[in-house]
Amino acid sequence: MLKFALFGNVYQQEKSASVRKLIDCLHQHGAELYVDKEYHDFLRAREILESTGHREFSDFAQLPHCDFAISMGGDGTLLKTASRVGARQTPIIGVNVGRLGFLADISANDIETGIDAICQGDYSVEDRALILVETNGEPIDGCPCALNDVAILKRDTASMISIRTSINGEYLTTYQADGLIASTPTGSTAYSLSNGGPIIVPRTGVLLLTPVAPHSLNVRPIVIPDSSQIELTVSSRSHTFLVGIDGRSSTLPEGTTLRLRRAPYVARVVKRSGTRYFATLREKLMWGADVR
């Protein structure tokens, strides 16, 4: 009997009906289902989820062994699921009921086909690197690891911030900018890409630093080995700055030193057989398309 933990998006009621199809499909395969409490309460309040046939949970770390975690939403929901799974490294199945769905591999129309294939073992699992964030002050709330990116951003004023950056103890530069994005190859198609960063193929073994609206035209994105340790110290006129870890933001005082490095564990993302990265790139991001 396969065991699944279900996470979902509680902000899009009109798209939540697809979960009924998913749950029915899991029950047909005799799977054991656990539902995240927040999502469970959301579904029960809308009479989408029955009172039997599943168990709810609050802390994924306290669950018995699960074969898969299912993310029901968009890419943001998958990132949140990865942070909840954490060091347990449970393979994550992304079901896309959002908009782009670059990470989520199964569309709402393909739920039965996708779950059938997974229950029959017709899938692969990709190990995706994470960035671990450490500080010399108060710890950051929530999971300190990012599957996509860590963003250092200005706060409260329109003034730029200064980000002194060193790589493995060697001074690189001081960015005068609205912010700085440190991303994994997985995150290179997210916030970094919108700021002019390059696309990096997953599992390449590098990290990417991309400035946000830099004051100098001489400052460009830089790619470094993922064995590197990045050290950042921020100065700001507001005396605070934001740290966003896969979109989860915290406010820190200026002078805080951040140390970024590859996490000691990975996020494991389930891909159906036949899924190809470059095909997804062309389809989802219209990469290389000539629309003239």
C-alpha atoms as a PDB file:
ATOM      1  CA  MET A   1       0.000   0.000   0.000  1.00  0.00           C
ATOM      2  CA  LEU A   2       1.463   3.331  -1.066  1.00  0.00           C
ATOM      3  CA  LYS A   3       1.211   6.230   1.366  1.00  0.00           C
ATOM      4  CA  PHE A   4       0.668   9.815   0.199  1.00  0.00           C
ATOM      5  CA  ALA A   5       0.750  13.148   2.058  1.00  0.00           C
ATOM      6  CA  LEU A   6      -1.376  15.835   0.414  1.00  0.00           C
ATOM      7  CA  PHE A   7      -0.606  19.570   0.498  1.00  0.00           C
ATOM      8  CA  GLY A   8      -2.645  22.183  -1.351  1.00  0.00           C
ATOM      9  CA  ASN A   9      -3.401  25.783  -2.205  1.00  0.00           C
ATOM     10  CA  VAL A  10      -6.085  27.236   0.070  1.00  0.00           C
ATOM     11  CA  TYR A  11      -6.482  30.497  -1.885  1.00  0.00           C
ATOM     12  CA  GLN A  12      -8.085  29.288  -5.112  1.00  0.00           C
ATOM     13  CA  GLN A  13     -11.481  27.817  -4.322  1.00  0.00           C
ATOM     14  CA  GLU A  14     -12.559  27.615  -7.950  1.00  0.00           C
ATOM     15  CA  LYS A  15      -9.651  25.298  -8.755  1.00  0.00           C
ATOM     16  CA  SER A  16      -9.971  23.012  -5.754  1.00  0.00           C
ATOM     17  CA  ALA A  17     -12.508  20.638  -7.372  1.00  0.00           C
ATOM     18  CA  SER A  18      -9.672  18.760  -9.089  1.00  0.00           C
ATOM     19  CA  VAL A  19      -8.652  17.397  -5.705  1.00  0.00           C
ATOM     20  CA  ARG A  20     -11.811  15.281  -5.633  1.00  0.00           C
ATOM     21  CA  LYS A  21     -10.619  13.575  -8.799  1.00  0.00           C
ATOM     22  CA  LEU A  22      -7.186  13.060  -7.255  1.00  0.00           C
ATOM     23  CA  ILE A  23      -8.524  11.564  -4.014  1.00  0.00           C
ATOM     24  CA  ASP A  24     -10.856   9.206  -5.897  1.00  0.00           C
ATOM     25  CA  CYS A  25      -7.950   8.040  -8.026  1.00  0.00           C
ATOM     26  CA  LEU A  26      -5.776   7.379  -4.948  1.00  0.00           C
ATOM     27  CA  HIS A  27      -8.583   5.410  -3.288  1.00  0.00           C
ATOM     28  CA  GLN A  28      -9.018   3.314  -6.424  1.00  0.00           C
ATOM     29  CA  HIS A  29      -5.385   2.301  -6.095  1.00  0.00           C
ATOM     30  CA  GLY A  30      -5.853   1.433  -2.418  1.00  0.00           C
ATOM     31  CA  ALA A  31      -3.494   4.173  -1.307  1.00  0.00           C
ATOM     32  CA  GLU A  32      -3.287   5.470   2.250  1.00  0.00           C
ATOM     33  CA  LEU A  33      -3.831   9.242   2.365  1.00  0.00           C
ATOM     34  CA  TYR A  34      -2.770  11.906   4.864  1.00  0.00           C
ATOM     35  CA  VAL A  35      -3.961  15.506   4.369  1.00  0.00           C
ATOM     36  CA  ASP A  36      -2.250  18.627   5.703  1.00  0.00           C
ATOM     37  CA  LYS A  37      -4.513  20.151   8.366  1.00  0.00           C
ATOM     38  CA  GLU A  38      -4.746  23.605   6.771  1.00  0.00           C
ATOM     39  CA  TYR A  39      -5.728  22.098   3.427  1.00  0.00           C
ATOM     40  CA  HIS A  40      -7.966  19.536   5.135  1.00  0.00           C
ATOM     41  CA  ASP A  41      -9.964  22.278   6.882  1.00  0.00           C
ATOM     42  CA  PHE A  42     -10.229  24.231   3.618  1.00  0.00           C
ATOM     43  CA  LEU A  43     -11.599  21.226   1.734  1.00  0.00           C
ATOM     44  CA  ARG A  44     -13.964  20.156   4.513  1.00  0.00           C
ATOM     45  CA  ALA A  45     -15.418  23.667   4.788  1.00  0.00           C
ATOM     46  CA  ARG A  46     -16.284  23.504   1.071  1.00  0.00           C
ATOM     47  CA  GLU A  47     -17.592  19.937   1.285  1.00  0.00           C
ATOM     48  CA  ILE A  48     -14.981  18.714  -1.178  1.00  0.00           C
ATOM     49  CA  LEU A  49     -13.439  16.210   1.234  1.00  0.00           C
ATOM     50  CA  GLU A  50     -15.399  13.480   2.985  1.00  0.00           C
ATOM     51  CA  SER A  51     -14.946  12.801   6.692  1.00  0.00           C
ATOM     52  CA  THR A  52     -13.538   9.302   6.181  1.00  0.00           C
ATOM     53  CA  GLY A  53     -10.912   7.603   4.037  1.00  0.00           C
ATOM     54  CA  HIS A  54      -7.974   9.752   5.127  1.00  0.00           C
ATOM     55  CA  ARG A  55      -6.081  11.153   8.113  1.00  0.00           C
ATOM     56  CA  GLU A  56      -5.022  14.717   8.766  1.00  0.00           C
ATOM     57  CA  PHE A  57      -1.648  15.947  10.039  1.00  0.00           C
ATOM     58  CA  SER A  58      -0.087  19.205  11.207  1.00  0.00           C
ATOM     59  CA  ASP A  59       3.605  18.320  11.329  1.00  0.00           C
ATOM     60  CA  PHE A  60       4.947  16.348   8.378  1.00  0.00           C
ATOM     61  CA  ALA A  61       8.079  15.471  10.344  1.00  0.00           C
ATOM     62  CA  GLN A  62       5.921  13.515  12.807  1.00  0.00           C
ATOM     63  CA  LEU A  63       4.188  11.432  10.154  1.00  0.00           C
ATOM     64  CA  PRO A  64       5.117   7.789   9.653  1.00  0.00           C
ATOM     65  CA  HIS A  65       6.936   6.983   6.437  1.00  0.00           C
ATOM     66  CA  CYS A  66       5.258   8.367   3.304  1.00  0.00           C
ATOM     67  CA  ASP A  67       6.118   7.243  -0.202  1.00  0.00           C
ATOM     68  CA  PHE A  68       5.133  10.543  -1.826  1.00  0.00           C
ATOM     69  CA  ALA A  69       4.096  14.096  -0.991  1.00  0.00           C
ATOM     70  CA  ILE A  70       1.560  15.601  -3.403  1.00  0.00           C
ATOM     71  CA  SER A  71       1.523  19.341  -4.075  1.00  0.00           C
ATOM     72  CA  MET A  72      -1.896  20.444  -5.340  1.00  0.00           C
ATOM     73  CA  GLY A  73      -1.587  23.961  -6.731  1.00  0.00           C
ATOM     74  CA  GLY A  74       1.043  25.792  -8.739  1.00  0.00           C
ATOM     75  CA  ASP A  75       4.784  26.183  -8.462  1.00  0.00           C
ATOM     76  CA  GLY A  76       4.402  28.271  -5.298  1.00  0.00           C
ATOM     77  CA  THR A  77       2.551  25.410  -3.617  1.00  0.00           C
ATOM     78  CA  LEU A  78       5.296  23.001  -4.657  1.00  0.00           C
ATOM     79  CA  LEU A  79       7.936  25.270  -3.113  1.00  0.00           C
ATOM     80  CA  LYS A  80       5.924  25.384   0.109  1.00  0.00           C
ATOM     81  CA  THR A  81       5.590  21.604   0.038  1.00  0.00           C
ATOM     82  CA  ALA A  82       9.360  21.235  -0.376  1.00  0.00           C
ATOM     83  CA  SER A  83       9.918  23.399   2.705  1.00  0.00           C
ATOM     84  CA  ARG A  84       7.502  21.246   4.719  1.00  0.00           C
ATOM     85  CA  VAL A  85       9.068  17.982   3.537  1.00  0.00           C
ATOM     86  CA  GLY A  86      12.547  19.291   4.394  1.00  0.00           C
ATOM     87  CA  ALA A  87      15.263  16.811   5.254  1.00  0.00           C
ATOM     88  CA  ARG A  88      12.958  13.794   4.958  1.00  0.00           C
ATOM     89  CA  GLN A  89      13.473  14.062   1.180  1.00  0.00           C
ATOM     90  CA  THR A  90      10.124  12.462   0.365  1.00  0.00           C
ATOM     91  CA  PRO A  91       9.568  12.536  -3.412  1.00  0.00           C
ATOM     92  CA  ILE A  92       7.192  15.367  -4.374  1.00  0.00           C
ATOM     93  CA  ILE A  93       4.497  14.994  -7.030  1.00  0.00           C
ATOM     94  CA  GLY A  94       3.435  18.343  -8.459  1.00  0.00           C
ATOM     95  CA  VAL A  95      -0.164  18.599  -9.704  1.00  0.00           C
ATOM     96  CA  ASN A  96      -0.613  21.907 -11.503  1.00  0.00           C
ATOM     97  CA  VAL A  97      -3.958  23.641 -10.996  1.00  0.00           C
ATOM     98  CA  GLY A  98      -2.288  27.066 -11.123  1.00  0.00           C
ATOM     99  CA  ARG A  99      -1.139  29.099 -14.102  1.00  0.00           C
ATOM    100  CA  LEU A 100       2.375  28.343 -15.379  1.00  0.00           C
ATOM    101  CA  GLY A 101       3.219  25.127 -13.563  1.00  0.00           C
ATOM    102  CA  PHE A 102       6.857  24.910 -14.622  1.00  0.00           C
ATOM    103  CA  LEU A 103       7.814  22.609 -11.729  1.00  0.00           C
ATOM    104  CA  ALA A 104       4.493  20.807 -11.302  1.00  0.00           C
ATOM    105  CA  ASP A 105       4.541  17.940 -13.802  1.00  0.00           C
ATOM    106  CA  ILE A 106       0.911  16.733 -13.851  1.00  0.00           C
ATOM    107  CA  SER A 107      -1.881  18.922 -15.220  1.00  0.00           C
ATOM    108  CA  ALA A 108      -5.404  18.912 -13.793  1.00  0.00           C
ATOM    109  CA  ASN A 109      -6.601  17.074 -16.920  1.00  0.00           C
ATOM    110  CA  ASP A 110      -3.995  14.325 -16.532  1.00  0.00           C
ATOM    111  CA  ILE A 111      -4.512  13.448 -12.865  1.00  0.00           C
ATOM    112  CA  GLU A 112      -5.778   9.902 -13.462  1.00  0.00           C
ATOM    113  CA  THR A 113      -3.114   9.125 -16.060  1.00  0.00           C
ATOM    114  CA  GLY A 114      -0.341  10.597 -13.921  1.00  0.00           C
ATOM    115  CA  ILE A 115      -1.328   8.830 -10.700  1.00  0.00           C
ATOM    116  CA  ASP A 116      -1.830   5.539 -12.556  1.00  0.00           C
ATOM    117  CA  ALA A 117       1.689   5.802 -13.993  1.00  0.00           C
ATOM    118  CA  ILE A 118       3.215   6.601 -10.610  1.00  0.00           C
ATOM    119  CA  CYS A 119       1.412   3.737  -8.864  1.00  0.00           C
ATOM    120  CA  GLN A 120       2.750   1.432 -11.587  1.00  0.00           C
ATOM    121  CA  GLY A 121       6.298   2.710 -11.065  1.00  0.00           C
ATOM    122  CA  ASP A 122       6.454   4.520 -14.397  1.00  0.00           C
ATOM    123  CA  TYR A 123       8.270   7.667 -13.262  1.00  0.00           C
ATOM    124  CA  SER A 124      11.682   9.089 -12.366  1.00  0.00           C
ATOM    125  CA  VAL A 125      12.863  11.175  -9.425  1.00  0.00           C
ATOM    126  CA  GLU A 126      15.129  14.193  -9.903  1.00  0.00           C
ATOM    127  CA  ASP A 127      17.315  15.420  -7.049  1.00  0.00           C
ATOM    128  CA  ARG A 128      17.219  19.222  -6.925  1.00  0.00           C
ATOM    129  CA  ALA A 129      19.783  21.236  -4.920  1.00  0.00           C
ATOM    130  CA  LEU A 130      18.677  23.580  -2.138  1.00  0.00           C
ATOM    131  CA  ILE A 131      20.290  26.734  -0.733  1.00  0.00           C
ATOM    132  CA  LEU A 132      20.756  26.822   3.042  1.00  0.00           C
ATOM    133  CA  VAL A 133      20.608  30.259   4.739  1.00  0.00           C
ATOM    134  CA  GLU A 134      22.395  30.882   8.044  1.00  0.00           C
ATOM    135  CA  THR A 135      22.714  34.144   9.988  1.00  0.00           C
ATOM    136  CA  ASN A 136      24.981  35.476  12.707  1.00  0.00           C
ATOM    137  CA  GLY A 137      21.930  36.771  14.587  1.00  0.00           C
ATOM    138  CA  GLU A 138      18.405  35.554  15.149  1.00  0.00           C
ATOM    139  CA  PRO A 139      17.461  32.485  13.093  1.00  0.00           C
ATOM    140  CA  ILE A 140      15.065  32.955  10.206  1.00  0.00           C
ATOM    141  CA  ASP A 141      11.520  31.738  10.804  1.00  0.00           C
ATOM    142  CA  GLY A 142      10.482  28.577   9.025  1.00  0.00           C
ATOM    143  CA  CYS A 143      12.568  26.303   6.849  1.00  0.00           C
ATOM    144  CA  PRO A 144      15.969  27.919   6.130  1.00  0.00           C
ATOM    145  CA  CYS A 145      16.338  26.197   2.745  1.00  0.00           C
ATOM    146  CA  ALA A 146      15.261  27.381  -0.705  1.00  0.00           C
ATOM    147  CA  LEU A 147      14.524  25.218  -3.717  1.00  0.00           C
ATOM    148  CA  ASN A 148      14.279  28.251  -6.018  1.00  0.00           C
ATOM    149  CA  ASP A 149      16.068  31.252  -4.576  1.00  0.00           C
ATOM    150  CA  VAL A 150      17.051  33.490  -1.699  1.00  0.00           C
ATOM    151  CA  ALA A 151      16.367  37.186  -2.346  1.00  0.00           C
ATOM    152  CA  ILE A 152      17.971  40.032  -0.366  1.00  0.00           C
ATOM    153  CA  LEU A 153      15.802  43.104  -0.932  1.00  0.00           C
ATOM    154  CA  LYS A 154      15.361  46.709   0.189  1.00  0.00           C
ATOM    155  CA  ARG A 155      12.542  47.587   2.570  1.00  0.00           C
ATOM    156  CA  ASP A 156      10.434  50.666   3.459  1.00  0.00           C
ATOM    157  CA  THR A 157      12.296  53.238   1.325  1.00  0.00           C
ATOM    158  CA  ALA A 158      13.046  53.759  -2.346  1.00  0.00           C
ATOM    159  CA  SER A 159      16.763  53.956  -1.618  1.00  0.00           C
ATOM    160  CA  MET A 160      19.119  51.219  -2.758  1.00  0.00           C
ATOM    161  CA  ILE A 161      20.827  48.892  -0.335  1.00  0.00           C
ATOM    162  CA  SER A 162      24.505  47.930  -0.224  1.00  0.00           C
ATOM    163  CA  ILE A 163      25.302  44.217  -0.170  1.00  0.00           C
ATOM    164  CA  ARG A 164      28.920  43.352   0.555  1.00  0.00           C
ATOM    165  CA  THR A 165      29.553  39.965  -1.017  1.00  0.00           C
ATOM    166  CA  SER A 166      32.359  37.449  -0.502  1.00  0.00           C
ATOM    167  CA  ILE A 167      32.803  33.994  -2.017  1.00  0.00           C
ATOM    168  CA  ASN A 168      34.741  31.461   0.081  1.00  0.00           C
ATOM    169  CA  GLY A 169      36.204  34.330   2.098  1.00  0.00           C
ATOM    170  CA  GLU A 170      37.356  36.275  -0.978  1.00  0.00           C
ATOM    171  CA  TYR A 171      35.764  39.677  -1.532  1.00  0.00           C
ATOM    172  CA  LEU A 172      33.705  39.801  -4.747  1.00  0.00           C
ATOM    173  CA  THR A 173      31.993  43.215  -4.814  1.00  0.00           C
ATOM    174  CA  THR A 174      29.541  45.455  -2.983  1.00  0.00           C
ATOM    175  CA  TYR A 175      26.281  45.529  -4.862  1.00  0.00           C
ATOM    176  CA  GLN A 176      24.519  48.903  -4.911  1.00  0.00           C
ATOM    177  CA  ALA A 177      21.084  47.748  -5.974  1.00  0.00           C
ATOM    178  CA  ASP A 178      17.484  47.101  -5.024  1.00  0.00           C
ATOM    179  CA  GLY A 179      18.551  43.608  -4.073  1.00  0.00           C
ATOM    180  CA  LEU A 180      20.443  40.435  -4.883  1.00  0.00           C
ATOM    181  CA  ILE A 181      19.088  36.988  -5.815  1.00  0.00           C
ATOM    182  CA  ALA A 182      20.964  33.779  -5.068  1.00  0.00           C
ATOM    183  CA  SER A 183      19.316  30.967  -6.999  1.00  0.00           C
ATOM    184  CA  THR A 184      19.713  27.284  -7.696  1.00  0.00           C
ATOM    185  CA  PRO A 185      19.519  25.939 -11.258  1.00  0.00           C
ATOM    186  CA  THR A 186      15.863  25.130 -10.498  1.00  0.00           C
ATOM    187  CA  GLY A 187      15.263  28.776  -9.561  1.00  0.00           C
ATOM    188  CA  SER A 188      17.099  30.202 -12.564  1.00  0.00           C
ATOM    189  CA  THR A 189      13.791  30.287 -14.488  1.00  0.00           C
ATOM    190  CA  ALA A 190      12.039  32.238 -11.711  1.00  0.00           C
ATOM    191  CA  TYR A 191      12.852  35.644 -10.134  1.00  0.00           C
ATOM    192  CA  SER A 192      16.421  35.625 -11.444  1.00  0.00           C
ATOM    193  CA  LEU A 193      15.261  35.221 -15.043  1.00  0.00           C
ATOM    194  CA  SER A 194      13.002  38.285 -14.768  1.00  0.00           C
ATOM    195  CA  ASN A 195      16.068  40.275 -13.709  1.00  0.00           C
ATOM    196  CA  GLY A 196      18.175  39.222 -16.677  1.00  0.00           C
ATOM    197  CA  GLY A 197      19.780  36.078 -15.263  1.00  0.00           C
ATOM    198  CA  PRO A 198      20.582  33.080 -17.488  1.00  0.00           C
ATOM    199  CA  ILE A 199      18.648  29.823 -17.641  1.00  0.00           C
ATOM    200  CA  ILE A 200      20.631  27.025 -16.001  1.00  0.00           C
ATOM    201  CA  VAL A 201      19.775  23.383 -16.597  1.00  0.00           C
ATOM    202  CA  PRO A 202      18.824  21.549 -13.373  1.00  0.00           C
ATOM    203  CA  ARG A 203      21.471  19.413 -11.630  1.00  0.00           C
ATOM    204  CA  THR A 204      24.275  21.461 -13.186  1.00  0.00           C
ATOM    205  CA  GLY A 205      26.117  21.892  -9.861  1.00  0.00           C
ATOM    206  CA  VAL A 206      26.240  25.700  -9.711  1.00  0.00           C
ATOM    207  CA  LEU A 207      24.659  28.670  -7.923  1.00  0.00           C
ATOM    208  CA  LEU A 208      23.687  31.955  -9.541  1.00  0.00           C
ATOM    209  CA  LEU A 209      23.956  35.511  -8.180  1.00  0.00           C
ATOM    210  CA  THR A 210      21.740  38.048  -9.968  1.00  0.00           C
ATOM    211  CA  PRO A 211      21.480  41.713  -8.895  1.00  0.00           C
ATOM    212  CA  VAL A 212      18.079  43.426  -8.830  1.00  0.00           C
ATOM    213  CA  ALA A 213      18.177  46.830 -10.580  1.00  0.00           C
ATOM    214  CA  PRO A 214      21.916  47.460  -9.968  1.00  0.00           C
ATOM    215  CA  HIS A 215      23.162  51.055 -10.002  1.00  0.00           C
ATOM    216  CA  SER A 216      26.167  50.132 -12.162  1.00  0.00           C
ATOM    217  CA  LEU A 217      25.836  48.763 -15.689  1.00  0.00           C
ATOM    218  CA  ASN A 218      29.105  46.887 -15.120  1.00  0.00           C
ATOM    219  CA  VAL A 219      27.451  44.507 -12.661  1.00  0.00           C
ATOM    220  CA  ARG A 220      26.123  41.331 -14.257  1.00  0.00           C
ATOM    221  CA  PRO A 221      24.889  37.931 -13.048  1.00  0.00           C
ATOM    222  CA  ILE A 222      27.643  35.523 -12.057  1.00  0.00           C
ATOM    223  CA  VAL A 223      27.644  31.718 -11.890  1.00  0.00           C
ATOM    224  CA  ILE A 224      29.720  29.980  -9.175  1.00  0.00           C
ATOM    225  CA  PRO A 225      30.233  26.349  -8.095  1.00  0.00           C
ATOM    226  CA  ASP A 226      27.620  25.121  -5.636  1.00  0.00           C
ATOM    227  CA  SER A 227      30.447  24.037  -3.335  1.00  0.00           C
ATOM    228  CA  SER A 228      31.007  27.749  -2.607  1.00  0.00           C
ATOM    229  CA  GLN A 229      30.009  29.577   0.567  1.00  0.00           C
ATOM    230  CA  ILE A 230      28.522  33.022  -0.039  1.00  0.00           C
ATOM    231  CA  GLU A 231      28.757  35.660   2.694  1.00  0.00           C
ATOM    232  CA  LEU A 232      26.572  38.773   2.529  1.00  0.00           C
ATOM    233  CA  THR A 233      26.470  41.858   4.767  1.00  0.00           C
ATOM    234  CA  VAL A 234      23.788  44.475   4.119  1.00  0.00           C
ATOM    235  CA  SER A 235      23.700  48.236   4.766  1.00  0.00           C
ATOM    236  CA  SER A 236      20.447  50.152   4.367  1.00  0.00           C
ATOM    237  CA  ARG A 237      19.087  53.649   5.032  1.00  0.00           C
ATOM    238  CA  SER A 238      16.050  52.066   6.683  1.00  0.00           C
ATOM    239  CA  HIS A 239      18.445  49.989   8.852  1.00  0.00           C
ATOM    240  CA  THR A 240      16.520  46.851   7.890  1.00  0.00           C
ATOM    241  CA  PHE A 241      16.184  44.634   4.849  1.00  0.00           C
ATOM    242  CA  LEU A 242      14.115  41.712   3.623  1.00  0.00           C
ATOM    243  CA  VAL A 243      15.218  38.134   3.102  1.00  0.00           C
ATOM    244  CA  GLY A 244      12.892  36.094   0.918  1.00  0.00           C
ATOM    245  CA  ILE A 245      13.327  32.317   0.919  1.00  0.00           C
ATOM    246  CA  ASP A 246      11.192  30.904  -1.889  1.00  0.00           C
ATOM    247  CA  GLY A 247       8.820  33.817  -1.336  1.00  0.00           C
ATOM    248  CA  ARG A 248       8.659  33.534   2.475  1.00  0.00           C
ATOM    249  CA  SER A 249       9.998  36.873   3.717  1.00  0.00           C
ATOM    250  CA  SER A 250      11.619  37.909   6.989  1.00  0.00           C
ATOM    251  CA  THR A 251      12.876  41.321   8.119  1.00  0.00           C
ATOM    252  CA  LEU A 252      16.429  41.498   9.457  1.00  0.00           C
ATOM    253  CA  PRO A 253      18.460  44.414  10.869  1.00  0.00           C
ATOM    254  CA  GLU A 254      21.286  45.863   8.789  1.00  0.00           C
ATOM    255  CA  GLY A 255      24.685  44.531   9.728  1.00  0.00           C
ATOM    256  CA  THR A 256      23.361  40.968   9.845  1.00  0.00           C
ATOM    257  CA  THR A 257      25.715  38.586   8.079  1.00  0.00           C
ATOM    258  CA  LEU A 258      24.088  35.934   5.904  1.00  0.00           C
ATOM    259  CA  ARG A 259      25.911  32.774   4.875  1.00  0.00           C
ATOM    260  CA  LEU A 260      24.520  30.879   1.921  1.00  0.00           C
ATOM    261  CA  ARG A 261      25.644  27.440   0.812  1.00  0.00           C
ATOM    262  CA  ARG A 262      24.259  24.276  -0.695  1.00  0.00           C
ATOM    263  CA  ALA A 263      22.061  22.416   1.785  1.00  0.00           C
ATOM    264  CA  PRO A 264      23.178  18.979   3.021  1.00  0.00           C
ATOM    265  CA  TYR A 265      20.016  17.397   1.575  1.00  0.00           C
ATOM    266  CA  VAL A 266      18.014  17.739  -1.646  1.00  0.00           C
ATOM    267  CA  ALA A 267      14.421  18.130  -2.788  1.00  0.00           C
ATOM    268  CA  ARG A 268      13.284  15.098  -4.765  1.00  0.00           C
ATOM    269  CA  VAL A 269      10.837  15.962  -7.563  1.00  0.00           C
ATOM    270  CA  VAL A 270       8.840  13.262  -9.340  1.00  0.00           C
ATOM    271  CA  LYS A 271       8.777  13.398 -13.141  1.00  0.00           C
ATOM    272  CA  ARG A 272       6.676  11.206 -15.388  1.00  0.00           C
ATOM    273  CA  SER A 273       8.522   9.084 -17.916  1.00  0.00           C
ATOM    274  CA  GLY A 274       8.955  10.981 -21.150  1.00  0.00           C
ATOM    275  CA  THR A 275       9.138  14.415 -19.537  1.00  0.00           C
ATOM    276  CA  ARG A 276      11.954  16.436 -21.098  1.00  0.00           C
ATOM    277  CA  TYR A 277      13.361  19.666 -19.646  1.00  0.00           C
ATOM    278  CA  PHE A 278      13.982  21.459 -22.935  1.00  0.00           C
ATOM    279  CA  ALA A 279      10.511  20.558 -24.203  1.00  0.00           C
ATOM    280  CA  THR A 280       9.045  22.024 -20.989  1.00  0.00           C
ATOM    281  CA  LEU A 281      11.184  25.126 -21.503  1.00  0.00           C
ATOM    282  CA  ARG A 282       9.802  25.640 -24.990  1.00  0.00           C
ATOM    283  CA  GLU A 283       6.211  24.879 -24.023  1.00  0.00           C
ATOM    284  CA  LYS A 284       5.901  26.708 -20.696  1.00  0.00           C
ATOM    285  CA  LEU A 285       8.265  29.653 -21.211  1.00  0.00           C
ATOM    286  CA  MET A 286       8.002  29.787 -25.013  1.00  0.00           C
ATOM    287  CA  TRP A 287      11.807  29.737 -25.038  1.00  0.00           C
ATOM    288  CA  GLY A 288      13.180  30.492 -28.498  1.00  0.00           C
ATOM    289  CA  ALA A 289       9.719  31.145 -29.955  1.00  0.00           C
ATOM    290  CA  ASP A 290       9.529  33.640 -32.822  1.00  0.00           C
ATOM    291  CA  VAL A 291       6.128  35.323 -32.554  1.00  0.00           C
ATOM    292  CA  ARG A 292       6.636  37.759 -35.433  1.00  0.00           C
END
